[in-house]
Structures are given as C-alpha cells and as structure tokens.
Amino acid sequence: MNIQAAATPAATIDLVAIKSRQQAAWRSGDYAMIGATLQIVGETLCEAVDLRSNHRVLDVAAGNGNATLAAARRFADVVSTDYVGALLERGRERAEAEHLPVTFQEADAEALPFADASFDVVLSTFGVMFTPNQEQAVSEIVRVCRPGGKIGMANWTPQGFVGQMFKTIGKYVPPAPGTKSPMLWGDRTHLEELFGSKATVAAESRNFIFRYKSPEHWVEIFSSYYGPIVKAFAALEPEAREALRADLYALLDKYNVAEDGTLVIPGEYLEVVVTKRD
C-alpha cells in the first residue's frame, strides 16, 4: 500500500462505497480475537493523555473496546462507538464481565452524533486511521472535543510491520484509486497538516509486540479473524492466494526476532496526543 495518495480527483472517489466495503471487511472474521491482544496499547494511551476520573471520554472506532475498557478502569465516564455493531457487542461483553459502566453507541467516525465540545478526551486505537475521509474524521473528533481537551491516538506507521503487511496485501488487492493510505496517520508531519491550526500535535514512536506460537500460528489466526486478510484471501484465485501466503511468511521472517520457533515481532506505532487549542 503506497503511503502517498493516488492522483484521482477527490470528487470522483465514491467514499460511501469505500466505507461500505470497509464495514464488510471488518465484519468478516472476528477482529476481537486479535484486538484483545492489543489491550496494553489502550492502557498506555490513557496514561499518555493523563486521563482522570472526572473526564468524559469518547472512544472512536473503538472496535472491541481496548481504549474503552482502559478508560473505564480509570473511573472515567466513557462512551464507546464504532460503525460495526458486532464489534461494539464484543466490547459490551468485556465491560459487563468486569462490571464497568460504559455507554455503547453505533456511530460513524466521520459523522459523530454528539454536540460540539462534548468530551474532555477523545481516544482511538488503530481505529480512526482507517476512515476513508481523513479530513472529515479529524474535523469531527476535534469538534466533539472541548477546547483544551486532548485527543489520544495509536496509529500504525507505514514503515513498521503492520504498515508493511498492508503494503503486501495491497500487491494483491489494491486499495481503491484515489484514497489515502491509513498509514499516513502514523506520520507526524501528515498529522500536523491534518490538524493544522486547530490543535498541537505531540507524537512518540512505540512498539506493540506481537507474540504468537509460531509464524504458522500467526498466519492461521490472521487469515481466520483479521478482516482485511480474510477478505483478501477470499477475493483471490488459489494461485494468487498461495503467493500472498508466501509473501506474508517472508514478511514474518523479516521482522521476527525470536530464535526458538515462536513469533515475536515489534510492531511500530505512533502514540499521538493532540491538544485542542482554546
């Protein structure tokens, strides 16, 4: 997946159709099987924004609720949103299991159904970065955040393992022409351009460590549960499917730091704290 936007004029891009395909991809498989392993990212993000118990918090594109649960564990008033209801249901199950009070509401990150300045903190872990209309998504998360409030995000970087995974998938199932790569959200310069004068952007490079039984185990899990890979395999003819599988194994071999047959891969992401200007 090329980090640069294609040259297709914005007016010719059918964002509604793109979003529909994205929703179908995230509904396929069961992202919660993978998402739950990323819980530590939600915890560290809440620390990065200095989340307090008297904060009203919105988790955007919350998936199965990692940042949601982390904020609720800190006794904040949390609203968890996603445009895929099945993912919110998994978050709801987790919150109920921990007896955490959370409001769950199906909502599109590009059209948030909340009043201006409704929240002290807006969070998103590997979620809002996948919106097709990046400028609109930024406009919305800034709008619902109060002046002086914070927007915390965890975004995969283009040069990191996940960025290269999407680049590998893109060789076989190219992204829609004219769309911007979600990995741009992992580039600080791009984020500063997106937020412009509305906010100040601070960002640090961090790693989430993928830990699996083996490279084969990783491929089994991701090809069964991770929507974009599930959809990619389903769209390909057998020969291309095997070529993609081989390329994924090569990518795993490149990034795997384990030497005992298991899989341990540092996945670089950008931990972002945006402060809305007064």
C-alpha atoms as a PDB file:
ATOM      1  CA  MET A   1       0.000   0.000   0.000  1.00  0.00           C
ATOM      2  CA  ASN A   2       1.600   3.222  -1.120  1.00  0.00           C
ATOM      3  CA  ILE A   3       1.747   5.834   1.611  1.00  0.00           C
ATOM      4  CA  GLN A   4       1.053   8.581  -0.909  1.00  0.00           C
ATOM      5  CA  ALA A   5      -2.430   9.369  -2.121  1.00  0.00           C
ATOM      6  CA  ALA A   6      -3.237   8.484  -5.700  1.00  0.00           C
ATOM      7  CA  ALA A   7      -3.912  11.221  -8.207  1.00  0.00           C
ATOM      8  CA  THR A   8      -7.622  10.553  -8.632  1.00  0.00           C
ATOM      9  CA  PRO A   9      -9.594  13.774  -8.009  1.00  0.00           C
ATOM     10  CA  ALA A  10     -11.475  13.704  -4.706  1.00  0.00           C
ATOM     11  CA  ALA A  11     -14.770  14.427  -6.457  1.00  0.00           C
ATOM     12  CA  THR A  12     -14.552  11.122  -8.354  1.00  0.00           C
ATOM     13  CA  ILE A  13     -13.976   8.956  -5.270  1.00  0.00           C
ATOM     14  CA  ASP A  14     -17.068   7.122  -4.055  1.00  0.00           C
ATOM     15  CA  LEU A  15     -16.388   7.348  -0.328  1.00  0.00           C
ATOM     16  CA  VAL A  16     -19.752   5.794   0.532  1.00  0.00           C
ATOM     17  CA  ALA A  17     -18.933   2.672  -1.477  1.00  0.00           C
ATOM     18  CA  ILE A  18     -15.447   2.508   0.024  1.00  0.00           C
ATOM     19  CA  LYS A  19     -16.850   2.762   3.530  1.00  0.00           C
ATOM     20  CA  SER A  20     -19.376   0.034   2.776  1.00  0.00           C
ATOM     21  CA  ARG A  21     -16.585  -2.284   1.654  1.00  0.00           C
ATOM     22  CA  GLN A  22     -14.588  -1.433   4.761  1.00  0.00           C
ATOM     23  CA  GLN A  23     -17.508  -2.277   7.012  1.00  0.00           C
ATOM     24  CA  ALA A  24     -17.902  -5.605   5.251  1.00  0.00           C
ATOM     25  CA  ALA A  25     -14.212  -6.330   5.749  1.00  0.00           C
ATOM     26  CA  TRP A  26     -14.273  -5.572   9.481  1.00  0.00           C
ATOM     27  CA  ARG A  27     -17.450  -7.624   9.909  1.00  0.00           C
ATOM     28  CA  SER A  28     -15.738 -10.651   8.377  1.00  0.00           C
ATOM     29  CA  GLY A  29     -13.685 -12.903  10.595  1.00  0.00           C
ATOM     30  CA  ASP A  30     -13.708 -11.868  14.253  1.00  0.00           C
ATOM     31  CA  TYR A  31     -11.414  -8.911  14.896  1.00  0.00           C
ATOM     32  CA  ALA A  32     -11.934  -9.230  18.662  1.00  0.00           C
ATOM     33  CA  MET A  33      -9.823 -12.396  18.619  1.00  0.00           C
ATOM     34  CA  ILE A  34      -6.870 -10.228  17.592  1.00  0.00           C
ATOM     35  CA  GLY A  35      -7.953  -6.898  19.030  1.00  0.00           C
ATOM     36  CA  ALA A  36      -7.952  -8.170  22.609  1.00  0.00           C
ATOM     37  CA  THR A  37      -4.219  -8.895  22.366  1.00  0.00           C
ATOM     38  CA  LEU A  38      -3.633  -5.154  21.824  1.00  0.00           C
ATOM     39  CA  GLN A  39      -5.104  -4.168  25.203  1.00  0.00           C
ATOM     40  CA  ILE A  40      -1.810  -2.798  26.523  1.00  0.00           C
ATOM     41  CA  VAL A  41      -1.909  -0.054  23.872  1.00  0.00           C
ATOM     42  CA  GLY A  42      -5.185   1.284  25.268  1.00  0.00           C
ATOM     43  CA  GLU A  43      -3.734   1.295  28.767  1.00  0.00           C
ATOM     44  CA  THR A  44      -0.596   3.211  27.816  1.00  0.00           C
ATOM     45  CA  LEU A  45      -2.614   5.663  25.700  1.00  0.00           C
ATOM     46  CA  CYS A  46      -4.784   6.548  28.707  1.00  0.00           C
ATOM     47  CA  GLU A  47      -1.600   7.297  30.633  1.00  0.00           C
ATOM     48  CA  ALA A  48      -0.235   9.384  27.761  1.00  0.00           C
ATOM     49  CA  VAL A  49      -3.295  11.681  27.820  1.00  0.00           C
ATOM     50  CA  ASP A  50      -3.185  11.809  31.650  1.00  0.00           C
ATOM     51  CA  LEU A  51      -6.746  10.560  31.836  1.00  0.00           C
ATOM     52  CA  ARG A  52      -8.631  11.480  35.027  1.00  0.00           C
ATOM     53  CA  SER A  53     -11.693  10.049  36.736  1.00  0.00           C
ATOM     54  CA  ASN A  54     -13.616  13.294  36.150  1.00  0.00           C
ATOM     55  CA  HIS A  55     -13.140  13.164  32.372  1.00  0.00           C
ATOM     56  CA  ARG A  56     -15.905  12.442  29.884  1.00  0.00           C
ATOM     57  CA  VAL A  57     -14.293  10.201  27.270  1.00  0.00           C
ATOM     58  CA  LEU A  58     -15.236   9.197  23.722  1.00  0.00           C
ATOM     59  CA  ASP A  59     -13.622   6.141  22.123  1.00  0.00           C
ATOM     60  CA  VAL A  60     -13.932   6.499  18.322  1.00  0.00           C
ATOM     61  CA  ALA A  61     -13.796   3.436  16.056  1.00  0.00           C
ATOM     62  CA  ALA A  62     -13.443   1.540  19.307  1.00  0.00           C
ATOM     63  CA  GLY A  63     -13.527  -1.955  17.852  1.00  0.00           C
ATOM     64  CA  ASN A  64     -13.803  -4.447  20.707  1.00  0.00           C
ATOM     65  CA  GLY A  65     -13.071  -1.733  23.250  1.00  0.00           C
ATOM     66  CA  ASN A  66      -9.431  -1.690  24.328  1.00  0.00           C
ATOM     67  CA  ALA A  67      -9.223   2.058  24.971  1.00  0.00           C
ATOM     68  CA  THR A  68     -12.818   1.970  26.216  1.00  0.00           C
ATOM     69  CA  LEU A  69     -12.011  -0.526  28.950  1.00  0.00           C
ATOM     70  CA  ALA A  70      -8.764   1.193  29.855  1.00  0.00           C
ATOM     71  CA  ALA A  71     -10.593   4.499  30.375  1.00  0.00           C
ATOM     72  CA  ALA A  72     -13.426   2.849  32.314  1.00  0.00           C
ATOM     73  CA  ARG A  73     -10.892   1.156  34.587  1.00  0.00           C
ATOM     74  CA  ARG A  74      -9.733   4.660  35.473  1.00  0.00           C
ATOM     75  CA  PHE A  75     -13.315   5.535  36.509  1.00  0.00           C
ATOM     76  CA  ALA A  76     -13.939   7.951  33.635  1.00  0.00           C
ATOM     77  CA  ASP A  77     -17.381   8.442  32.058  1.00  0.00           C
ATOM     78  CA  VAL A  78     -16.937   6.559  28.768  1.00  0.00           C
ATOM     79  CA  VAL A  79     -18.887   6.418  25.511  1.00  0.00           C
ATOM     80  CA  SER A  80     -17.675   3.711  23.108  1.00  0.00           C
ATOM     81  CA  THR A  81     -18.508   3.995  19.388  1.00  0.00           C
ATOM     82  CA  ASP A  82     -17.901   2.065  16.187  1.00  0.00           C
ATOM     83  CA  TYR A  83     -19.703   1.721  12.865  1.00  0.00           C
ATOM     84  CA  VAL A  84     -19.649  -2.086  13.164  1.00  0.00           C
ATOM     85  CA  GLY A  85     -22.222  -3.122  15.735  1.00  0.00           C
ATOM     86  CA  ALA A  86     -20.806  -6.639  16.154  1.00  0.00           C
ATOM     87  CA  LEU A  87     -17.513  -5.199  17.389  1.00  0.00           C
ATOM     88  CA  LEU A  88     -19.295  -2.996  19.903  1.00  0.00           C
ATOM     89  CA  GLU A  89     -21.107  -6.076  21.174  1.00  0.00           C
ATOM     90  CA  ARG A  90     -17.769  -7.719  21.971  1.00  0.00           C
ATOM     91  CA  GLY A  91     -16.740  -4.578  23.839  1.00  0.00           C
ATOM     92  CA  ARG A  92     -20.021  -4.636  25.737  1.00  0.00           C
ATOM     93  CA  GLU A  93     -19.424  -8.268  26.762  1.00  0.00           C
ATOM     94  CA  ARG A  94     -15.976  -7.384  28.091  1.00  0.00           C
ATOM     95  CA  ALA A  95     -17.265  -4.367  30.023  1.00  0.00           C
ATOM     96  CA  GLU A  96     -20.064  -6.419  31.589  1.00  0.00           C
ATOM     97  CA  ALA A  97     -17.591  -9.122  32.599  1.00  0.00           C
ATOM     98  CA  GLU A  98     -15.592  -6.510  34.512  1.00  0.00           C
ATOM     99  CA  HIS A  99     -18.685  -4.703  35.821  1.00  0.00           C
ATOM    100  CA  LEU A 100     -17.550  -1.491  34.137  1.00  0.00           C
ATOM    101  CA  PRO A 101     -20.205   1.146  33.336  1.00  0.00           C
ATOM    102  CA  VAL A 102     -19.819   2.111  29.656  1.00  0.00           C
ATOM    103  CA  THR A 103     -22.245   3.594  27.134  1.00  0.00           C
ATOM    104  CA  PHE A 104     -22.043   1.827  23.766  1.00  0.00           C
ATOM    105  CA  GLN A 105     -23.391   3.568  20.669  1.00  0.00           C
ATOM    106  CA  GLU A 106     -23.082   2.686  16.987  1.00  0.00           C
ATOM    107  CA  ALA A 107     -21.643   5.733  15.208  1.00  0.00           C
ATOM    108  CA  ASP A 108     -19.592   6.707  12.172  1.00  0.00           C
ATOM    109  CA  ALA A 109     -16.301   8.464  12.961  1.00  0.00           C
ATOM    110  CA  GLU A 110     -16.991  10.857  10.079  1.00  0.00           C
ATOM    111  CA  ALA A 111     -20.419  11.873  11.440  1.00  0.00           C
ATOM    112  CA  LEU A 112     -20.321  11.662  15.225  1.00  0.00           C
ATOM    113  CA  PRO A 113     -23.799  12.150  16.776  1.00  0.00           C
ATOM    114  CA  PHE A 114     -22.591  14.364  19.618  1.00  0.00           C
ATOM    115  CA  ALA A 115     -22.693  18.083  20.322  1.00  0.00           C
ATOM    116  CA  ASP A 116     -19.667  20.331  19.980  1.00  0.00           C
ATOM    117  CA  ALA A 117     -17.198  20.182  22.885  1.00  0.00           C
ATOM    118  CA  SER A 118     -19.000  17.214  24.492  1.00  0.00           C
ATOM    119  CA  PHE A 119     -15.876  15.373  25.657  1.00  0.00           C
ATOM    120  CA  ASP A 120     -12.732  16.115  27.653  1.00  0.00           C
ATOM    121  CA  VAL A 121     -10.813  13.314  25.937  1.00  0.00           C
ATOM    122  CA  VAL A 122     -11.268  11.548  22.588  1.00  0.00           C
ATOM    123  CA  LEU A 123      -9.416   8.250  22.068  1.00  0.00           C
ATOM    124  CA  SER A 124      -8.819   5.903  19.157  1.00  0.00           C
ATOM    125  CA  THR A 125      -6.514   2.885  18.991  1.00  0.00           C
ATOM    126  CA  PHE A 126      -5.878   1.712  15.427  1.00  0.00           C
ATOM    127  CA  GLY A 127      -9.396   2.805  14.531  1.00  0.00           C
ATOM    128  CA  VAL A 128      -9.995   6.304  13.190  1.00  0.00           C
ATOM    129  CA  MET A 129      -6.907   5.894  10.990  1.00  0.00           C
ATOM    130  CA  PHE A 130      -8.941   3.613   8.706  1.00  0.00           C
ATOM    131  CA  THR A 131     -11.614   6.201   7.845  1.00  0.00           C
ATOM    132  CA  PRO A 132     -11.708   6.895   4.083  1.00  0.00           C
ATOM    133  CA  ASN A 133     -12.230  10.657   4.500  1.00  0.00           C
ATOM    134  CA  GLN A 134      -9.364  11.643   6.752  1.00  0.00           C
ATOM    135  CA  GLU A 135     -10.100  15.367   6.803  1.00  0.00           C
ATOM    136  CA  GLN A 136     -13.727  14.789   7.794  1.00  0.00           C
ATOM    137  CA  ALA A 137     -12.735  12.388  10.567  1.00  0.00           C
ATOM    138  CA  VAL A 138     -10.300  14.933  12.010  1.00  0.00           C
ATOM    139  CA  SER A 139     -12.924  17.653  11.781  1.00  0.00           C
ATOM    140  CA  GLU A 140     -15.352  15.503  13.762  1.00  0.00           C
ATOM    141  CA  ILE A 141     -13.014  14.372  16.548  1.00  0.00           C
ATOM    142  CA  VAL A 142     -11.806  17.946  17.015  1.00  0.00           C
ATOM    143  CA  ARG A 143     -15.371  19.263  17.006  1.00  0.00           C
ATOM    144  CA  VAL A 144     -16.591  16.994  19.822  1.00  0.00           C
ATOM    145  CA  CYS A 145     -13.502  17.622  21.962  1.00  0.00           C
ATOM    146  CA  ARG A 146     -13.667  20.611  24.311  1.00  0.00           C
ATOM    147  CA  PRO A 147     -11.160  23.477  23.969  1.00  0.00           C
ATOM    148  CA  GLY A 148      -8.044  22.484  25.882  1.00  0.00           C
ATOM    149  CA  GLY A 149      -9.089  18.832  25.746  1.00  0.00           C
ATOM    150  CA  LYS A 150      -6.955  16.002  24.404  1.00  0.00           C
ATOM    151  CA  ILE A 151      -7.222  13.564  21.520  1.00  0.00           C
ATOM    152  CA  GLY A 152      -5.172  10.396  22.014  1.00  0.00           C
ATOM    153  CA  MET A 153      -4.490   8.019  19.161  1.00  0.00           C
ATOM    154  CA  ALA A 154      -2.408   4.940  18.437  1.00  0.00           C
ATOM    155  CA  ASN A 155      -1.692   4.676  14.695  1.00  0.00           C
ATOM    156  CA  TRP A 156       0.388   2.084  12.847  1.00  0.00           C
ATOM    157  CA  THR A 157       3.353   3.573  10.965  1.00  0.00           C
ATOM    158  CA  PRO A 158       3.966   2.986   7.251  1.00  0.00           C
ATOM    159  CA  GLN A 159       7.487   1.660   7.812  1.00  0.00           C
ATOM    160  CA  GLY A 160       6.538  -0.678  10.658  1.00  0.00           C
ATOM    161  CA  PHE A 161       5.424  -4.295  10.498  1.00  0.00           C
ATOM    162  CA  VAL A 162       1.689  -3.605  10.112  1.00  0.00           C
ATOM    163  CA  GLY A 163       2.327  -0.883   7.532  1.00  0.00           C
ATOM    164  CA  GLN A 164       4.381  -3.357   5.518  1.00  0.00           C
ATOM    165  CA  MET A 165       1.709  -6.016   5.995  1.00  0.00           C
ATOM    166  CA  PHE A 166      -0.861  -3.734   4.354  1.00  0.00           C
ATOM    167  CA  LYS A 167       1.638  -2.939   1.597  1.00  0.00           C
ATOM    168  CA  THR A 168       1.981  -6.686   0.994  1.00  0.00           C
ATOM    169  CA  ILE A 169      -1.791  -7.162   0.863  1.00  0.00           C
ATOM    170  CA  GLY A 170      -2.038  -4.184  -1.497  1.00  0.00           C
ATOM    171  CA  LYS A 171       0.083  -6.010  -4.079  1.00  0.00           C
ATOM    172  CA  TYR A 172      -2.747  -8.498  -4.485  1.00  0.00           C
ATOM    173  CA  VAL A 173      -5.825  -6.460  -3.548  1.00  0.00           C
ATOM    174  CA  PRO A 174      -5.045  -2.813  -4.405  1.00  0.00           C
ATOM    175  CA  PRO A 175      -6.761  -0.054  -2.428  1.00  0.00           C
ATOM    176  CA  ALA A 176      -9.465   1.974  -4.117  1.00  0.00           C
ATOM    177  CA  PRO A 177      -7.939   4.525  -6.533  1.00  0.00           C
ATOM    178  CA  GLY A 178      -7.589   7.989  -5.057  1.00  0.00           C
ATOM    179  CA  THR A 179      -7.868   7.000  -1.406  1.00  0.00           C
ATOM    180  CA  LYS A 180      -5.188   7.991   1.065  1.00  0.00           C
ATOM    181  CA  SER A 181      -3.314   5.297   2.896  1.00  0.00           C
ATOM    182  CA  PRO A 182      -4.436   4.856   6.515  1.00  0.00           C
ATOM    183  CA  MET A 183      -0.748   4.538   7.362  1.00  0.00           C
ATOM    184  CA  LEU A 184      -0.399   8.278   6.801  1.00  0.00           C
ATOM    185  CA  TRP A 185      -1.868   8.633  10.300  1.00  0.00           C
ATOM    186  CA  GLY A 186       1.397   7.120  11.524  1.00  0.00           C
ATOM    187  CA  ASP A 187       3.379  10.048  10.081  1.00  0.00           C
ATOM    188  CA  ARG A 188       3.662  13.067  12.375  1.00  0.00           C
ATOM    189  CA  THR A 189       4.077  15.561   9.534  1.00  0.00           C
ATOM    190  CA  HIS A 190       0.840  14.360   7.951  1.00  0.00           C
ATOM    191  CA  LEU A 191      -0.977  14.636  11.274  1.00  0.00           C
ATOM    192  CA  GLU A 192       0.236  18.208  11.725  1.00  0.00           C
ATOM    193  CA  GLU A 193      -1.136  19.003   8.269  1.00  0.00           C
ATOM    194  CA  LEU A 194      -4.463  17.318   9.088  1.00  0.00           C
ATOM    195  CA  PHE A 195      -4.998  19.123  12.392  1.00  0.00           C
ATOM    196  CA  GLY A 196      -3.483  22.398  11.209  1.00  0.00           C
ATOM    197  CA  SER A 197      -4.158  25.357  13.471  1.00  0.00           C
ATOM    198  CA  LYS A 198      -6.924  23.545  15.361  1.00  0.00           C
ATOM    199  CA  ALA A 199      -4.568  21.776  17.743  1.00  0.00           C
ATOM    200  CA  THR A 200      -0.996  20.996  18.732  1.00  0.00           C
ATOM    201  CA  VAL A 201       0.375  17.537  17.963  1.00  0.00           C
ATOM    202  CA  ALA A 202       2.815  15.545  20.087  1.00  0.00           C
ATOM    203  CA  ALA A 203       3.860  12.062  18.997  1.00  0.00           C
ATOM    204  CA  GLU A 204       6.230   9.301  20.039  1.00  0.00           C
ATOM    205  CA  SER A 205       7.207   6.106  18.261  1.00  0.00           C
ATOM    206  CA  ARG A 206       6.358   2.976  20.246  1.00  0.00           C
ATOM    207  CA  ASN A 207       6.211  -0.760  19.619  1.00  0.00           C
ATOM    208  CA  PHE A 208       3.457  -3.244  20.263  1.00  0.00           C
ATOM    209  CA  ILE A 209       4.974  -6.725  20.443  1.00  0.00           C
ATOM    210  CA  PHE A 210       3.089  -9.407  18.516  1.00  0.00           C
ATOM    211  CA  ARG A 211       3.603 -12.722  20.324  1.00  0.00           C
ATOM    212  CA  TYR A 212       2.352 -15.930  18.717  1.00  0.00           C
ATOM    213  CA  LYS A 213       3.212 -19.622  18.932  1.00  0.00           C
ATOM    214  CA  SER A 214       4.896 -19.601  15.525  1.00  0.00           C
ATOM    215  CA  PRO A 215       4.729 -17.884  12.126  1.00  0.00           C
ATOM    216  CA  GLU A 216       2.224 -20.559  11.110  1.00  0.00           C
ATOM    217  CA  HIS A 217       0.091 -19.721  14.124  1.00  0.00           C
ATOM    218  CA  TRP A 218       0.095 -16.018  13.202  1.00  0.00           C
ATOM    219  CA  VAL A 219      -0.995 -16.788   9.626  1.00  0.00           C
ATOM    220  CA  GLU A 220      -3.718 -19.131  10.889  1.00  0.00           C
ATOM    221  CA  ILE A 221      -5.103 -16.521  13.302  1.00  0.00           C
ATOM    222  CA  PHE A 222      -4.926 -13.540  10.944  1.00  0.00           C
ATOM    223  CA  SER A 223      -6.299 -15.411   7.929  1.00  0.00           C
ATOM    224  CA  SER A 224      -9.223 -16.618  10.072  1.00  0.00           C
ATOM    225  CA  TYR A 225     -10.070 -13.475  12.062  1.00  0.00           C
ATOM    226  CA  TYR A 226      -8.458 -10.286  10.698  1.00  0.00           C
ATOM    227  CA  GLY A 227     -10.983  -8.777   8.285  1.00  0.00           C
ATOM    228  CA  PRO A 228      -8.637  -7.255   5.671  1.00  0.00           C
ATOM    229  CA  ILE A 229      -6.688 -10.517   5.340  1.00  0.00           C
ATOM    230  CA  VAL A 230      -9.822 -12.681   5.428  1.00  0.00           C
ATOM    231  CA  LYS A 231     -11.272 -10.592   2.591  1.00  0.00           C
ATOM    232  CA  ALA A 232      -8.010 -10.607   0.628  1.00  0.00           C
ATOM    233  CA  PHE A 233      -7.746 -14.399   0.675  1.00  0.00           C
ATOM    234  CA  ALA A 234     -11.426 -14.733  -0.240  1.00  0.00           C
ATOM    235  CA  ALA A 235     -11.008 -12.411  -3.246  1.00  0.00           C
ATOM    236  CA  LEU A 236      -8.037 -14.242  -4.768  1.00  0.00           C
ATOM    237  CA  GLU A 237      -7.738 -17.254  -7.010  1.00  0.00           C
ATOM    238  CA  PRO A 238      -5.874 -20.224  -5.456  1.00  0.00           C
ATOM    239  CA  GLU A 239      -2.526 -19.424  -7.094  1.00  0.00           C
ATOM    240  CA  ALA A 240      -2.566 -15.784  -6.005  1.00  0.00           C
ATOM    241  CA  ARG A 241      -3.771 -16.825  -2.544  1.00  0.00           C
ATOM    242  CA  GLU A 242      -0.723 -19.038  -2.117  1.00  0.00           C
ATOM    243  CA  ALA A 243       1.555 -16.279  -3.397  1.00  0.00           C
ATOM    244  CA  LEU A 244       0.126 -13.895  -0.798  1.00  0.00           C
ATOM    245  CA  ARG A 245       0.585 -16.521   1.885  1.00  0.00           C
ATOM    246  CA  ALA A 246       4.223 -16.943   0.856  1.00  0.00           C
ATOM    247  CA  ASP A 247       4.784 -13.187   0.930  1.00  0.00           C
ATOM    248  CA  LEU A 248       3.277 -12.970   4.413  1.00  0.00           C
ATOM    249  CA  TYR A 249       5.615 -15.696   5.623  1.00  0.00           C
ATOM    250  CA  ALA A 250       8.553 -13.802   4.125  1.00  0.00           C
ATOM    251  CA  LEU A 251       7.422 -10.653   5.921  1.00  0.00           C
ATOM    252  CA  LEU A 252       7.122 -12.523   9.220  1.00  0.00           C
ATOM    253  CA  ASP A 253      10.591 -13.974   8.744  1.00  0.00           C
ATOM    254  CA  LYS A 254      11.995 -10.485   8.138  1.00  0.00           C
ATOM    255  CA  TYR A 255      10.539  -8.980  11.319  1.00  0.00           C
ATOM    256  CA  ASN A 256      10.555 -11.955  13.703  1.00  0.00           C
ATOM    257  CA  VAL A 257      13.190 -11.522  16.431  1.00  0.00           C
ATOM    258  CA  ALA A 258      12.543 -14.908  18.081  1.00  0.00           C
ATOM    259  CA  GLU A 259      15.012 -17.718  17.504  1.00  0.00           C
ATOM    260  CA  ASP A 260      13.161 -20.535  19.297  1.00  0.00           C
ATOM    261  CA  GLY A 261      10.447 -21.256  16.741  1.00  0.00           C
ATOM    262  CA  THR A 262       7.945 -18.829  18.260  1.00  0.00           C
ATOM    263  CA  LEU A 263       6.972 -15.476  16.771  1.00  0.00           C
ATOM    264  CA  VAL A 264       7.929 -12.186  18.437  1.00  0.00           C
ATOM    265  CA  ILE A 265       7.556  -9.118  16.217  1.00  0.00           C
ATOM    266  CA  PRO A 266       7.880  -5.465  17.272  1.00  0.00           C
ATOM    267  CA  GLY A 267       5.073  -3.584  15.536  1.00  0.00           C
ATOM    268  CA  GLU A 268       5.849   0.124  15.382  1.00  0.00           C
ATOM    269  CA  TYR A 269       3.059   2.588  16.005  1.00  0.00           C
ATOM    270  CA  LEU A 270       2.786   6.296  16.698  1.00  0.00           C
ATOM    271  CA  GLU A 271       1.385   7.275  20.084  1.00  0.00           C
ATOM    272  CA  VAL A 272      -0.244  10.628  19.462  1.00  0.00           C
ATOM    273  CA  VAL A 273      -1.505  13.233  21.932  1.00  0.00           C
ATOM    274  CA  VAL A 274      -3.290  16.163  20.307  1.00  0.00           C
ATOM    275  CA  THR A 275      -4.321  19.154  22.416  1.00  0.00           C
ATOM    276  CA  LYS A 276      -7.209  21.209  21.056  1.00  0.00           C
ATOM    277  CA  ARG A 277      -6.499  24.911  21.078  1.00  0.00           C
ATOM    278  CA  ASP A 278      -8.699  27.176  23.200  1.00  0.00           C
END
